[in-house]
Protein backbone atom coordinates (compact mmCIF):
# COMPACT_ATOMS: atom_id res chain seq x y z
CA UNK A 1 -85.45 8.44 -54.42
CA UNK A 2 -89.09 8.06 -56.91
CA UNK A 3 -92.24 7.96 -55.51
CA UNK A 4 -92.42 4.48 -55.51
CA UNK A 5 -89.00 3.86 -53.44
CA UNK A 6 -90.62 6.95 -51.31
CA UNK A 7 -93.79 4.82 -50.92
CA UNK A 8 -91.89 1.62 -50.17
CA UNK A 9 -90.23 3.08 -47.38
CA UNK A 10 -93.40 4.66 -45.98
CA UNK A 11 -94.36 0.77 -45.53
CA UNK A 12 -91.33 -0.25 -44.15
CA UNK A 13 -91.27 2.07 -41.62
CA UNK A 14 -95.45 1.51 -40.16
CA UNK A 15 -94.55 -2.15 -40.49
CA UNK A 16 -90.89 -1.85 -38.52
CA UNK A 17 -93.37 0.14 -36.14
CA UNK A 18 -96.57 -1.77 -35.57
CA UNK A 19 -94.16 -5.39 -35.35
CA UNK A 20 -91.81 -3.53 -32.65
CA UNK A 21 -95.10 -1.81 -30.67
CA UNK A 22 -96.46 -5.54 -30.61
CA UNK A 23 -93.87 -7.01 -28.65
CA UNK A 24 -93.68 -4.23 -26.48
CA UNK A 25 -97.07 -4.16 -25.44
CA UNK A 26 -97.11 -7.98 -24.56
CA UNK A 27 -94.26 -6.92 -22.52
CA UNK A 28 -95.06 -4.45 -20.38
CA UNK A 29 -98.52 -5.52 -20.15
CA UNK A 30 -97.05 -8.91 -18.06
CA UNK A 31 -94.82 -6.23 -15.96
CA UNK A 32 -97.37 -4.39 -15.39
CA UNK A 33 -99.67 -8.06 -14.15
CA UNK A 34 -96.81 -8.49 -12.04
CA UNK A 35 -96.02 -5.17 -10.73
CA UNK A 36 -99.52 -3.33 -9.69
CA UNK A 37 -98.39 -0.67 -11.91
CA UNK A 38 -100.59 1.58 -13.97
CA UNK A 39 -97.92 3.46 -15.36
CA UNK A 40 -96.98 0.24 -16.55
CA UNK A 41 -100.10 -1.15 -17.26
CA UNK A 42 -100.59 2.44 -18.94
CA UNK A 43 -97.58 1.96 -21.55
CA UNK A 44 -99.21 -1.50 -22.15
CA UNK A 45 -102.31 0.05 -23.42
CA UNK A 46 -99.80 3.21 -25.60
CA UNK A 47 -98.24 0.37 -26.85
CA UNK A 48 -101.37 -1.61 -28.32
CA UNK A 49 -102.92 1.80 -29.34
CA UNK A 50 -100.08 1.96 -31.16
CA UNK A 51 -99.66 -1.16 -32.60
CA UNK A 52 -103.48 -0.89 -33.36
CA UNK A 53 -102.97 2.65 -35.13
CA UNK A 54 -99.92 0.98 -36.99
CA UNK A 55 -102.16 -1.29 -39.21
CA UNK A 56 -104.41 1.86 -39.99
CA UNK A 57 -101.92 3.12 -41.34
CA UNK A 58 -100.50 0.04 -43.34
CA UNK A 59 -104.12 0.12 -44.70
CA UNK A 60 -104.49 3.68 -45.52
CA UNK A 61 -101.13 3.27 -46.99
CA UNK A 62 -102.47 -0.14 -49.67
CA UNK A 63 -106.02 1.32 -49.84
CA UNK A 64 -104.72 5.15 -50.81
CA UNK A 65 -102.53 3.76 -53.42
CA UNK A 66 -104.75 2.16 -55.67
CA UNK A 67 -105.15 3.73 -59.14
CA UNK A 68 -107.78 5.57 -60.43
CA UNK A 69 -110.64 4.68 -61.86
CA UNK A 70 -114.07 5.91 -63.55
CA UNK A 71 -115.77 5.89 -59.90
CA UNK A 72 -112.66 7.81 -58.03
CA UNK A 73 -110.85 9.16 -61.57
CA UNK A 74 -108.51 11.21 -58.89
CA UNK A 75 -107.98 8.22 -57.38
CA UNK A 76 -107.82 6.61 -53.71
CA UNK A 77 -105.53 9.26 -52.35
CA UNK A 78 -107.75 10.73 -49.97
CA UNK A 79 -108.94 7.70 -48.20
CA UNK A 80 -105.56 7.05 -46.73
CA UNK A 81 -106.66 10.21 -44.46
CA UNK A 82 -109.93 8.97 -43.69
CA UNK A 83 -107.56 5.89 -41.96
CA UNK A 84 -105.16 7.58 -40.89
CA UNK A 85 -108.00 9.68 -39.07
CA UNK A 86 -109.14 6.91 -37.31
CA UNK A 87 -106.35 5.36 -35.55
CA UNK A 88 -105.62 9.33 -34.11
CA UNK A 89 -109.17 8.43 -32.98
CA UNK A 90 -108.30 5.01 -31.83
CA UNK A 91 -105.17 6.55 -30.02
CA UNK A 92 -107.80 8.93 -28.19
CA UNK A 93 -110.26 6.82 -27.41
CA UNK A 94 -108.37 3.61 -26.15
CA UNK A 95 -105.00 4.80 -24.57
CA UNK A 96 -105.50 7.90 -23.59
CA UNK A 97 -108.93 7.17 -22.13
CA UNK A 98 -107.33 3.97 -20.11
CA UNK A 99 -104.48 5.31 -19.03
CA UNK A 100 -105.39 8.27 -16.85
CA UNK A 101 -109.07 6.19 -15.96
CA UNK A 102 -106.66 3.72 -14.40
CA UNK A 103 -104.47 6.69 -13.68
CA UNK A 104 -107.36 8.20 -11.61
CA UNK A 105 -108.17 4.95 -10.09
CA UNK A 106 -105.37 4.10 -8.88
CA UNK A 107 -104.26 7.16 -7.06
CA UNK A 108 -107.61 6.40 -5.02
CA UNK A 109 -107.85 3.15 -4.55
CA UNK A 110 -105.16 1.01 -5.57
CA UNK A 111 -102.08 -0.52 -4.49
CA UNK A 112 -98.44 -1.82 -5.96
CA UNK A 113 -97.41 -5.60 -5.16
CA UNK A 114 -94.26 -4.42 -4.61
CA UNK A 115 -92.73 -5.75 -7.11
CA UNK A 116 -90.53 -3.70 -9.45
CA UNK A 117 -88.08 -5.20 -10.76
CA UNK A 118 -89.64 -7.39 -14.13
CA UNK A 119 -91.12 -3.14 -15.05
CA UNK A 120 -87.51 -1.88 -15.29
CA UNK A 121 -86.40 -4.28 -17.52
CA UNK A 122 -89.24 -3.90 -19.37
CA UNK A 123 -88.87 -0.11 -19.58
CA UNK A 124 -85.29 -0.06 -20.58
CA UNK A 125 -85.61 -3.16 -23.22
CA UNK A 126 -88.91 -0.76 -24.74
CA UNK A 127 -86.35 2.35 -24.50
CA UNK A 128 -84.41 0.44 -26.78
CA UNK A 129 -86.09 -0.92 -29.02
CA UNK A 130 -88.75 2.27 -29.12
CA UNK A 131 -85.23 4.19 -30.75
CA UNK A 132 -84.39 2.11 -33.05
CA UNK A 133 -88.10 2.51 -34.60
CA UNK A 134 -87.88 6.40 -34.40
CA UNK A 135 -84.10 6.58 -36.03
CA UNK A 136 -85.63 4.68 -39.39
CA UNK A 137 -88.70 7.38 -39.22
CA UNK A 138 -86.26 9.98 -38.44
CA UNK A 139 -83.98 9.60 -41.30
CA UNK A 140 -87.38 9.12 -43.46
CA UNK A 141 -87.69 12.04 -42.26
CA UNK A 142 -84.76 13.56 -43.47
CA UNK A 143 -84.50 11.51 -46.60
CA UNK A 144 -87.85 13.18 -47.95
CA UNK A 145 -86.67 16.49 -47.12
CA UNK A 146 -83.78 16.88 -48.88
CA UNK A 147 -86.18 15.42 -51.87
CA UNK A 148 -88.60 18.69 -50.89
CA UNK A 149 -85.68 20.59 -50.82
CA UNK A 150 -87.45 22.31 -47.05
CA UNK A 151 -86.27 21.44 -43.30
CA UNK A 152 -86.95 18.20 -41.86
CA UNK A 153 -89.11 20.25 -38.91
CA UNK A 154 -91.05 21.90 -41.65
CA UNK A 155 -91.82 18.83 -43.51
CA UNK A 156 -92.49 17.42 -40.71
CA UNK A 157 -95.37 20.47 -40.04
CA UNK A 158 -96.53 20.33 -43.88
CA UNK A 159 -95.68 16.87 -45.29
CA UNK A 160 -99.42 15.25 -46.39
CA UNK A 161 -97.51 11.74 -45.90
CA UNK A 162 -99.28 11.33 -42.63
CA UNK A 163 -98.56 7.88 -42.15
CA UNK A 164 -94.96 8.91 -41.55
CA UNK A 165 -95.51 11.83 -39.29
CA UNK A 166 -98.07 9.57 -37.76
CA UNK A 167 -94.80 7.00 -36.58
CA UNK A 168 -92.69 9.89 -35.90
CA UNK A 169 -94.72 11.56 -33.09
CA UNK A 170 -95.70 8.18 -31.51
CA UNK A 171 -92.15 7.36 -30.95
CA UNK A 172 -90.98 9.93 -29.30
CA UNK A 173 -94.51 10.22 -27.76
CA UNK A 174 -93.31 6.32 -26.58
CA UNK A 175 -89.26 7.47 -25.70
CA UNK A 176 -91.18 10.43 -23.72
CA UNK A 177 -93.55 7.97 -21.55
CA UNK A 178 -91.10 5.13 -21.31
CA UNK A 179 -89.34 8.24 -19.33
CA UNK A 180 -92.36 9.34 -17.37
CA UNK A 181 -93.08 5.10 -16.34
CA UNK A 182 -89.54 4.89 -14.74
CA UNK A 183 -89.70 8.07 -13.28
CA UNK A 184 -93.13 7.24 -11.10
CA UNK A 185 -92.34 3.82 -10.75
CA UNK A 186 -88.82 4.97 -9.14
CA UNK A 187 -90.34 7.58 -6.70
CA UNK A 188 -93.23 4.88 -5.88
CA UNK A 189 -91.11 2.49 -4.86
CA UNK A 190 -89.05 5.32 -3.15
CA UNK A 191 -91.70 6.70 -1.35
CA UNK A 192 -94.00 3.72 -1.00
CA UNK A 193 -96.90 5.44 -2.15
CA UNK A 194 -98.81 4.80 -5.27
CA UNK A 195 -99.47 8.35 -6.07
CA UNK A 196 -96.60 8.87 -8.10
CA UNK A 197 -97.43 5.68 -10.07
CA UNK A 198 -100.80 6.88 -10.68
CA UNK A 199 -99.93 10.48 -11.71
CA UNK A 200 -97.06 9.40 -14.92
CA UNK A 201 -99.61 7.39 -15.84
CA UNK A 202 -102.37 10.30 -15.88
CA UNK A 203 -99.26 12.30 -17.84
CA UNK A 204 -99.38 9.35 -19.81
CA UNK A 205 -102.45 9.62 -20.72
CA UNK A 206 -102.49 13.78 -21.49
CA UNK A 207 -99.07 13.04 -24.14
CA UNK A 208 -100.88 10.38 -26.18
CA UNK A 209 -104.04 13.10 -26.26
CA UNK A 210 -101.72 16.14 -27.57
CA UNK A 211 -100.72 13.31 -30.63
CA UNK A 212 -104.08 12.26 -31.32
CA UNK A 213 -105.03 15.20 -31.39
CA UNK A 214 -102.28 17.00 -33.38
CA UNK A 215 -102.58 13.81 -35.83
CA UNK A 216 -106.58 14.58 -36.07
CA UNK A 217 -106.16 17.67 -36.50
CA UNK A 218 -103.67 17.63 -39.94
CA UNK A 219 -106.25 14.45 -41.28
CA UNK A 220 -108.97 16.13 -41.09
CA UNK A 221 -107.52 19.59 -42.78
CA UNK A 222 -106.14 16.79 -45.51
CA UNK A 223 -109.74 15.67 -45.90
CA UNK A 224 -111.73 19.21 -46.14
CA UNK A 225 -108.95 19.51 -49.38
CA UNK A 226 -105.84 21.34 -48.20
CA UNK A 227 -103.91 23.16 -50.26
CA UNK A 228 -100.12 23.05 -51.20
CA UNK A 229 -97.15 25.26 -48.46
CA UNK A 230 -97.24 28.76 -50.01
CA UNK A 231 -93.94 28.20 -51.36
CA UNK A 232 -95.05 25.49 -53.58
CA UNK A 233 -97.79 27.83 -54.79
CA UNK A 234 -95.98 31.05 -55.51
CA UNK A 235 -93.30 28.38 -57.71
CA UNK A 236 -96.13 27.23 -59.72
CA UNK A 237 -97.87 30.74 -60.43
CA UNK A 238 -94.23 32.19 -61.40
CA UNK A 239 -93.88 29.12 -63.84
CA UNK A 240 -97.04 29.78 -65.31
CA UNK A 241 -96.31 33.14 -66.00
CA UNK A 242 -92.92 32.40 -67.37
CA UNK A 243 -94.65 30.80 -70.45
CA UNK A 244 -94.31 33.55 -72.63
CA UNK A 245 -97.94 32.86 -74.66
CA UNK A 246 -99.86 33.92 -70.79
CA UNK A 247 -100.07 37.60 -69.65
CA UNK A 248 -101.21 36.84 -65.90
CA UNK A 249 -102.04 34.74 -64.31
CA UNK A 250 -105.85 34.98 -62.90
CA UNK A 251 -106.40 32.52 -60.45
CA UNK A 252 -104.26 29.64 -59.08
CA UNK A 253 -106.25 26.46 -57.07
CA UNK A 254 -104.36 23.51 -56.13
CA UNK A 255 -105.98 20.88 -53.93
CA UNK A 256 -103.11 17.62 -51.88
CA UNK A 257 -105.41 14.43 -53.59
CA UNK A 258 -103.49 12.53 -51.05
CA UNK A 259 -99.92 11.86 -49.99
CA UNK A 260 -97.84 12.01 -53.73
CA UNK A 261 -100.66 13.59 -55.82
CA UNK A 262 -101.59 17.18 -56.33
CA UNK A 263 -103.67 18.92 -58.32
CA UNK A 264 -103.44 22.11 -60.21
CA UNK A 265 -106.48 24.31 -61.56
CA UNK A 266 -105.39 27.90 -62.42
CA UNK A 267 -107.27 30.16 -64.75
CA UNK A 268 -104.93 32.31 -67.19
CA UNK A 269 -104.85 35.43 -69.20
CA UNK A 270 -103.26 34.46 -72.34
CA UNK A 271 -102.02 36.79 -74.35
CA UNK A 272 -104.41 38.44 -77.30
CA UNK A 273 -102.35 37.29 -80.04
CA UNK A 274 -102.28 33.50 -78.75
CA UNK A 275 -103.82 31.25 -81.89
CA UNK A 276 -105.18 28.17 -80.29
CA UNK A 277 -102.88 26.26 -81.34
CA UNK A 278 -99.87 28.45 -78.95
CA UNK A 279 -102.35 27.84 -76.13
CA UNK A 280 -102.58 24.33 -76.21
CA UNK A 281 -98.60 23.57 -76.68
CA UNK A 282 -98.83 26.45 -73.73
CA UNK A 283 -100.50 24.69 -71.46
CA UNK A 284 -98.40 21.48 -72.36
CA UNK A 285 -94.94 23.12 -72.02
CA UNK A 286 -97.20 24.04 -68.66
CA UNK A 287 -97.46 20.19 -67.73
CA UNK A 288 -94.05 19.52 -68.47
CA UNK A 289 -92.14 22.42 -66.38
CA UNK A 290 -94.76 21.81 -63.25
CA UNK A 291 -93.98 17.97 -63.13
CA UNK A 292 -90.05 18.61 -63.89
CA UNK A 293 -90.11 19.94 -60.36
CA UNK A 294 -92.48 18.28 -59.19
CA UNK A 295 -93.72 14.92 -60.45
CA UNK A 296 -95.80 14.79 -57.63
CA UNK A 297 -98.23 17.33 -59.53
CA UNK A 298 -100.91 14.28 -61.25
CA UNK A 299 -103.17 17.02 -63.05
CA UNK A 300 -103.27 20.34 -64.43
CA UNK A 301 -106.08 22.39 -65.67
CA UNK A 302 -105.75 25.48 -67.45
CA UNK A 303 -108.56 26.92 -68.36
CA UNK A 304 -108.06 29.87 -70.79
CA UNK A 305 -109.79 33.36 -69.55
CA UNK A 306 -110.03 36.90 -70.16
CA UNK A 307 -110.44 38.97 -67.42
CA UNK A 308 -111.42 42.38 -65.64
CA UNK A 309 -108.50 44.50 -64.13
CA UNK A 310 -108.46 45.71 -60.93
CA UNK A 311 -108.85 49.60 -61.09
CA UNK A 312 -105.46 49.68 -59.60
CA UNK A 313 -104.84 47.39 -62.63
CA UNK A 314 -104.07 44.23 -60.26
CA UNK A 315 -105.64 41.31 -60.87
CA UNK A 316 -108.93 40.76 -60.60
CA UNK A 317 -109.58 37.68 -59.09
CA UNK A 318 -105.83 37.17 -56.57
CA UNK A 319 -104.76 33.51 -56.09
CA UNK A 320 -104.18 33.77 -52.49
CA UNK A 321 -105.61 36.73 -50.23
CA UNK A 322 -102.22 37.34 -47.83
CA UNK A 323 -104.38 39.44 -45.96
CA UNK A 324 -106.33 36.18 -44.60
CA UNK A 325 -103.41 33.48 -44.08
CA UNK A 326 -104.29 30.63 -43.07
CA UNK A 327 -103.02 30.11 -39.87
CA UNK A 328 -101.88 26.04 -40.21
CA UNK A 329 -99.96 26.71 -43.47
CA UNK A 330 -100.64 24.38 -46.06
CA UNK A 331 -98.98 21.53 -46.63
CA UNK A 332 -96.92 20.23 -49.90
CA UNK A 333 -93.29 19.74 -48.87
CA UNK A 334 -92.50 22.80 -48.36
CA UNK A 335 -90.27 23.87 -50.62
């Protein structure tokens, strides 16, 4: 699958999820007002938050895909992470805040009207619709993981395409939330005690907090300037060192400029007998090899250098400190 097709699929996934969430939000709101269920109203807020999130993710895809210009020579890819972060923040404040607050209020003072039939019907229909949306997201995750030669789990954990991650996590959380709401409604109806409905509402809020926290953390890391994964880093280093004109790679740095753009910058110690023409040819060959393996690599900068070796013959400035690996392994497809 080409980059253009991948971007189009991401847009389609977001649009489908957004349309589904909007329809579900209206149905849950009506059912919640009829039944007076805190869990149903929390689920309505959940779907409303998801719908707003999809709108922000759509903006992220569109604005992040704008071409580079003079003021932004590396493009607008990182802007997609700004909108995705705002989407996570909205889920955190609106969705989770309403669900937890309303759940606590229900436990303390609220009583149900006792009409649960509409709520059960909406929950069942919502589960089917959310399952369809999640199935589409899963198909995209599997397809993209094959493109990066990675497992779906690893791809989902490391992917810089936060729109795919957001849709997958939100749809998964939506299904879990529906189950929680159903159990809460059922227990409240059987016991005639709104305590269980209120607890269900609070649990839905906690679920939203977890999802929002994961997405916010991922987007902050990408905004700061995250590198590619360790395996991709090593593959890039191996490709550079395989060039006959290269003695060693002194320093290698990478950065994810957006969901589909990678920057590679390296200090390279070329062989002593390499001429200026040899270095130019090697730089062209390096870019060809890297982009052949990873079409997402948009920029390759090589800085010829003659660095001093360390006391034991190792590189004076290692490309990565193996003893200080980050806890959250950098993204970049994971291959």
